[in-house]
Each structure stands twice: as C-alpha cells, then as structure tokens.
Amino acid sequence: MNPRPLTAYEQRLIDRYSYCQLGMTPQAFYAKWQVSQEDIAAICSRSVSTVHRWFRKGRSYRRPTAVDLRHLALMDFLLEHFNQIPENLREALCPSNHED
C-alpha cells in the first residue's frame, strides 16, 4: 500500500505545526489546575521522581524537555476546550474505553 501524497494545504499545515512554539511549564500547569505531580507525570509519560525534580531548586533541579512542555500545553488546551470539540473528533483524538 502506497502512502497518500500531501496536498499543498496539508504541507502548509505541517509547516505551521512544525513552527508552533506550544508549551506550558509544569509550574504554570500546577498553578492553573488542581492536579498532583503524579498526574503531571502521567500526562508527560515521565516518572514521578523526574517530575519532582522539575519543582526543586538548586542542584537537584531538572529542566523539563520541550516535549514535556508541549504535552502540558496540549493537556491544558484539552481541559479548556474538550467539550467544544465535536464528539466524533474527541473520540478520534482520545478514544475512550468507558462512558464518561
């Protein structure tokens, strides 16, 4: 099976996404939403100890990656707008295994 070629519009969408600087710090996410550091670890697919280091100061501090910042920004977007997304698109984006 051959992959489908991209249209000019789809290529522009890829270019736009590639330059998007979407990001949210763990501290900003934690301040905005009543979540635990364990929740943040699950969102970013990181260990809890790694997330704990994001909140420390000094030598034990560890900086989150750009991927971590993007995960938190996307989760923030979903928390803000999930119910505005049509149900079929919500299911395509985040399939549920149970009824909400």
C-alpha atoms as a PDB file:
ATOM      1  CA  MET A   1       0.000   0.000   0.000  1.00  0.00           C
ATOM      2  CA  ASN A   2       1.409   3.389  -1.014  1.00  0.00           C
ATOM      3  CA  PRO A   3       1.073   6.389   1.285  1.00  0.00           C
ATOM      4  CA  ARG A   4      -1.208   9.188   0.154  1.00  0.00           C
ATOM      5  CA  PRO A   5       0.634  12.233  -1.217  1.00  0.00           C
ATOM      6  CA  LEU A   6       0.188  15.513   0.640  1.00  0.00           C
ATOM      7  CA  THR A   7      -1.757  18.392  -0.809  1.00  0.00           C
ATOM      8  CA  ALA A   8      -0.295  21.912  -0.704  1.00  0.00           C
ATOM      9  CA  TYR A   9      -2.738  22.726   2.116  1.00  0.00           C
ATOM     10  CA  GLU A  10      -1.607  19.709   4.143  1.00  0.00           C
ATOM     11  CA  GLN A  11       2.047  20.642   3.616  1.00  0.00           C
ATOM     12  CA  ARG A  12       1.316  24.181   4.886  1.00  0.00           C
ATOM     13  CA  LEU A  13      -0.390  22.661   7.929  1.00  0.00           C
ATOM     14  CA  ILE A  14       2.715  20.557   8.648  1.00  0.00           C
ATOM     15  CA  ASP A  15       4.895  23.656   8.273  1.00  0.00           C
ATOM     16  CA  ARG A  16       2.657  25.636  10.609  1.00  0.00           C
ATOM     17  CA  TYR A  17       2.683  22.858  13.231  1.00  0.00           C
ATOM     18  CA  SER A  18       6.457  22.493  12.942  1.00  0.00           C
ATOM     19  CA  TYR A  19       6.991  26.143  13.877  1.00  0.00           C
ATOM     20  CA  CYS A  20       4.362  26.239  16.616  1.00  0.00           C
ATOM     21  CA  GLN A  21       6.012  27.013  19.948  1.00  0.00           C
ATOM     22  CA  LEU A  22       3.272  25.453  22.049  1.00  0.00           C
ATOM     23  CA  GLY A  23       4.439  24.933  25.613  1.00  0.00           C
ATOM     24  CA  MET A  24       3.412  25.275  29.251  1.00  0.00           C
ATOM     25  CA  THR A  25       5.681  24.876  32.245  1.00  0.00           C
ATOM     26  CA  PRO A  26       4.880  22.317  34.926  1.00  0.00           C
ATOM     27  CA  GLN A  27       4.682  25.149  37.460  1.00  0.00           C
ATOM     28  CA  ALA A  28       2.123  27.060  35.361  1.00  0.00           C
ATOM     29  CA  PHE A  29       0.056  23.910  34.794  1.00  0.00           C
ATOM     30  CA  TYR A  30       0.192  23.029  38.503  1.00  0.00           C
ATOM     31  CA  ALA A  31      -0.873  26.577  39.440  1.00  0.00           C
ATOM     32  CA  LYS A  32      -3.784  26.559  36.979  1.00  0.00           C
ATOM     33  CA  TRP A  33      -5.221  23.072  37.585  1.00  0.00           C
ATOM     34  CA  GLN A  34      -5.777  21.186  40.829  1.00  0.00           C
ATOM     35  CA  VAL A  35      -3.566  18.245  39.897  1.00  0.00           C
ATOM     36  CA  SER A  36      -0.864  16.254  41.621  1.00  0.00           C
ATOM     37  CA  GLN A  37       2.690  15.840  40.469  1.00  0.00           C
ATOM     38  CA  GLU A  38       1.691  12.221  39.801  1.00  0.00           C
ATOM     39  CA  ASP A  39      -0.941  13.498  37.355  1.00  0.00           C
ATOM     40  CA  ILE A  40       1.684  15.611  35.606  1.00  0.00           C
ATOM     41  CA  ALA A  41       3.975  12.572  35.406  1.00  0.00           C
ATOM     42  CA  ALA A  42       1.174  10.582  33.729  1.00  0.00           C
ATOM     43  CA  ILE A  43       0.428  13.388  31.253  1.00  0.00           C
ATOM     44  CA  CYS A  44       4.091  13.641  30.247  1.00  0.00           C
ATOM     45  CA  SER A  45       4.859   9.894  30.439  1.00  0.00           C
ATOM     46  CA  ARG A  46       7.610  10.559  32.978  1.00  0.00           C
ATOM     47  CA  SER A  47       8.442   9.076  36.332  1.00  0.00           C
ATOM     48  CA  VAL A  48       7.147  10.822  39.430  1.00  0.00           C
ATOM     49  CA  SER A  49      10.739  11.358  40.597  1.00  0.00           C
ATOM     50  CA  THR A  50      11.523  13.198  37.348  1.00  0.00           C
ATOM     51  CA  VAL A  51       8.534  15.489  37.858  1.00  0.00           C
ATOM     52  CA  HIS A  52       9.558  16.107  41.478  1.00  0.00           C
ATOM     53  CA  ARG A  53      12.918  17.362  40.136  1.00  0.00           C
ATOM     54  CA  TRP A  54      11.099  19.864  37.883  1.00  0.00           C
ATOM     55  CA  PHE A  55       9.764  21.537  41.040  1.00  0.00           C
ATOM     56  CA  ARG A  56      13.022  21.531  43.018  1.00  0.00           C
ATOM     57  CA  LYS A  57      15.581  24.280  43.254  1.00  0.00           C
ATOM     58  CA  GLY A  58      19.333  24.065  43.237  1.00  0.00           C
ATOM     59  CA  ARG A  59      21.474  21.131  42.164  1.00  0.00           C
ATOM     60  CA  SER A  60      18.662  18.585  42.094  1.00  0.00           C
ATOM     61  CA  TYR A  61      16.554  20.712  39.699  1.00  0.00           C
ATOM     62  CA  ARG A  62      15.910  19.133  36.312  1.00  0.00           C
ATOM     63  CA  ARG A  63      14.555  21.095  33.358  1.00  0.00           C
ATOM     64  CA  PRO A  64      11.552  19.616  31.515  1.00  0.00           C
ATOM     65  CA  THR A  65      12.077  18.994  27.808  1.00  0.00           C
ATOM     66  CA  ALA A  66      10.265  20.791  25.004  1.00  0.00           C
ATOM     67  CA  VAL A  67       8.209  17.595  24.578  1.00  0.00           C
ATOM     68  CA  ASP A  68       7.119  17.777  28.231  1.00  0.00           C
ATOM     69  CA  LEU A  69       6.103  21.432  27.813  1.00  0.00           C
ATOM     70  CA  ARG A  70       4.099  20.547  24.698  1.00  0.00           C
ATOM     71  CA  HIS A  71       2.309  17.677  26.487  1.00  0.00           C
ATOM     72  CA  LEU A  72       1.262  20.039  29.279  1.00  0.00           C
ATOM     73  CA  ALA A  73       0.122  22.735  26.831  1.00  0.00           C
ATOM     74  CA  LEU A  74      -1.930  20.199  24.871  1.00  0.00           C
ATOM     75  CA  MET A  75      -3.488  18.862  28.077  1.00  0.00           C
ATOM     76  CA  ASP A  76      -4.280  22.438  29.131  1.00  0.00           C
ATOM     77  CA  PHE A  77      -5.943  23.014  25.747  1.00  0.00           C
ATOM     78  CA  LEU A  78      -7.968  19.810  26.082  1.00  0.00           C
ATOM     79  CA  LEU A  79      -9.060  20.677  29.616  1.00  0.00           C
ATOM     80  CA  GLU A  80     -10.193  24.108  28.409  1.00  0.00           C
ATOM     81  CA  HIS A  81     -11.846  23.054  25.127  1.00  0.00           C
ATOM     82  CA  PHE A  82     -12.602  19.315  25.095  1.00  0.00           C
ATOM     83  CA  ASN A  83     -16.372  19.755  25.279  1.00  0.00           C
ATOM     84  CA  GLN A  84     -16.286  22.196  22.351  1.00  0.00           C
ATOM     85  CA  ILE A  85     -14.709  19.565  20.094  1.00  0.00           C
ATOM     86  CA  PRO A  86     -17.322  17.522  18.200  1.00  0.00           C
ATOM     87  CA  GLU A  87     -17.793  14.076  19.731  1.00  0.00           C
ATOM     88  CA  ASN A  88     -16.518  12.149  16.696  1.00  0.00           C
ATOM     89  CA  LEU A  89     -13.288  14.195  16.743  1.00  0.00           C
ATOM     90  CA  ARG A  90     -12.912  13.769  20.525  1.00  0.00           C
ATOM     91  CA  GLU A  91     -13.214  10.015  20.066  1.00  0.00           C
ATOM     92  CA  ALA A  92     -10.672  10.042  17.229  1.00  0.00           C
ATOM     93  CA  LEU A  93      -8.259  12.120  19.324  1.00  0.00           C
ATOM     94  CA  CYS A  94      -8.670  10.360  22.660  1.00  0.00           C
ATOM     95  CA  PRO A  95     -10.612   7.086  22.332  1.00  0.00           C
ATOM     96  CA  SER A  96     -12.500   6.178  25.467  1.00  0.00           C
ATOM     97  CA  ASN A  97     -12.737   2.679  26.867  1.00  0.00           C
ATOM     98  CA  HIS A  98     -15.687   3.614  29.054  1.00  0.00           C
ATOM     99  CA  GLU A  99     -18.587   6.042  29.155  1.00  0.00           C
ATOM    100  CA  ASP A 100     -17.837   9.496  30.578  1.00  0.00           C
END
